[in-house]
Amino acid sequence: PDLVVMDIQMPLLDGLEATKRLQELEVGAAVLLVSGEDVSAHGQDTRAVGAAGYVPKSAVATDLLPAMRAIARARRAGGP
């Protein structure tokens, strides 16, 4: 896939660790994380594991699609 959208809180393996593992496997997919927790609680962690972005669940209705489009544009332009 070009883009993986996943929750930070998942059973067995959280989204941060899953993102880190995807980056280590070099699958080439960008990762957009979502969570019901406050964005400031995970903001730096998401970048540290290689996520392309983060959208709080409270803003999914308005911000998810624009974030996905922004990531796609950045990837077409040669970004992460």
Protein backbone atom coordinates (compact mmCIF):
# COMPACT_ATOMS: atom_id res chain seq x y z
CA PRO A 1 0.00 0.00 0.00
CA ASP A 2 1.00 3.61 -0.48
CA LEU A 3 -0.64 4.72 2.76
CA VAL A 4 -1.55 2.91 5.97
CA VAL A 5 -4.02 4.56 8.36
CA MET A 6 -3.93 2.99 11.80
CA ASP A 7 -4.91 3.69 15.36
CA ILE A 8 -2.21 4.16 17.96
CA GLN A 9 -4.07 2.02 20.48
CA MET A 10 -4.46 -1.53 19.20
CA PRO A 11 -4.37 -4.89 20.95
CA LEU A 12 -1.09 -6.82 21.04
CA LEU A 13 0.95 -4.24 19.12
CA ASP A 14 0.31 -0.51 19.36
CA GLY A 15 0.38 1.74 16.31
CA LEU A 16 3.68 3.35 17.27
CA GLU A 17 5.48 0.02 17.41
CA ALA A 18 3.72 -1.21 14.25
CA THR A 19 4.82 1.96 12.43
CA LYS A 20 8.38 1.48 13.63
CA ARG A 21 8.37 -2.11 12.36
CA LEU A 22 6.95 -1.07 8.98
CA GLN A 23 9.75 1.47 8.63
CA GLU A 24 12.35 -1.16 9.54
CA LEU A 25 10.90 -3.50 6.88
CA GLU A 26 11.16 -0.68 4.33
CA VAL A 27 7.80 -1.50 2.75
CA GLY A 28 7.58 2.02 1.34
CA ALA A 29 4.16 2.83 2.76
CA ALA A 30 3.52 6.11 4.53
CA VAL A 31 1.75 5.78 7.87
CA LEU A 32 -0.93 8.14 9.16
CA LEU A 33 -1.78 7.52 12.79
CA VAL A 34 -5.04 8.32 14.56
CA SER A 35 -5.90 8.23 18.24
CA GLY A 36 -8.61 9.23 20.65
CA GLU A 37 -5.98 10.64 22.98
CA ASP A 38 -4.73 14.21 23.00
CA VAL A 39 -2.45 14.92 20.02
CA SER A 40 0.20 16.43 22.29
CA ALA A 41 0.51 13.11 24.12
CA HIS A 42 1.84 11.46 20.96
CA GLY A 43 2.96 14.27 18.67
CA GLN A 44 6.70 13.74 18.94
CA ASP A 45 6.44 9.96 19.25
CA THR A 46 4.65 9.70 15.90
CA ARG A 47 7.49 11.44 14.05
CA ALA A 48 10.16 9.53 15.95
CA VAL A 49 8.81 6.19 14.67
CA GLY A 50 8.53 7.46 11.10
CA ALA A 51 4.83 8.26 10.80
CA ALA A 52 3.98 10.73 8.04
CA GLY A 53 1.25 12.32 10.13
CA TYR A 54 -1.17 12.18 13.02
CA VAL A 55 -4.87 13.01 13.24
CA PRO A 56 -6.78 12.98 16.53
CA LYS A 57 -10.03 11.03 16.31
CA SER A 58 -11.92 14.16 17.33
CA ALA A 59 -10.87 15.67 13.99
CA VAL A 60 -11.15 12.63 11.71
CA ALA A 61 -14.32 13.92 10.05
CA THR A 62 -12.62 17.13 8.94
CA ASP A 63 -8.88 16.37 8.89
CA LEU A 64 -8.39 12.76 7.80
CA LEU A 65 -8.95 13.18 4.06
CA PRO A 66 -6.90 16.42 3.84
CA ALA A 67 -4.06 14.73 5.75
CA MET A 68 -4.16 11.75 3.40
CA ARG A 69 -4.09 14.06 0.38
CA ALA A 70 -1.19 16.07 1.83
CA ILE A 71 0.82 12.90 2.39
CA ALA A 72 0.08 11.74 -1.17
CA ARG A 73 1.19 15.11 -2.59
CA ALA A 74 4.39 15.04 -0.52
CA ARG A 75 5.18 11.51 -1.70
CA ARG A 76 4.62 12.47 -5.36
CA ALA A 77 6.97 15.42 -4.84
CA GLY A 78 9.64 13.11 -3.41
CA GLY A 79 8.95 13.66 0.29
CA PRO A 80 8.50 11.06 3.05
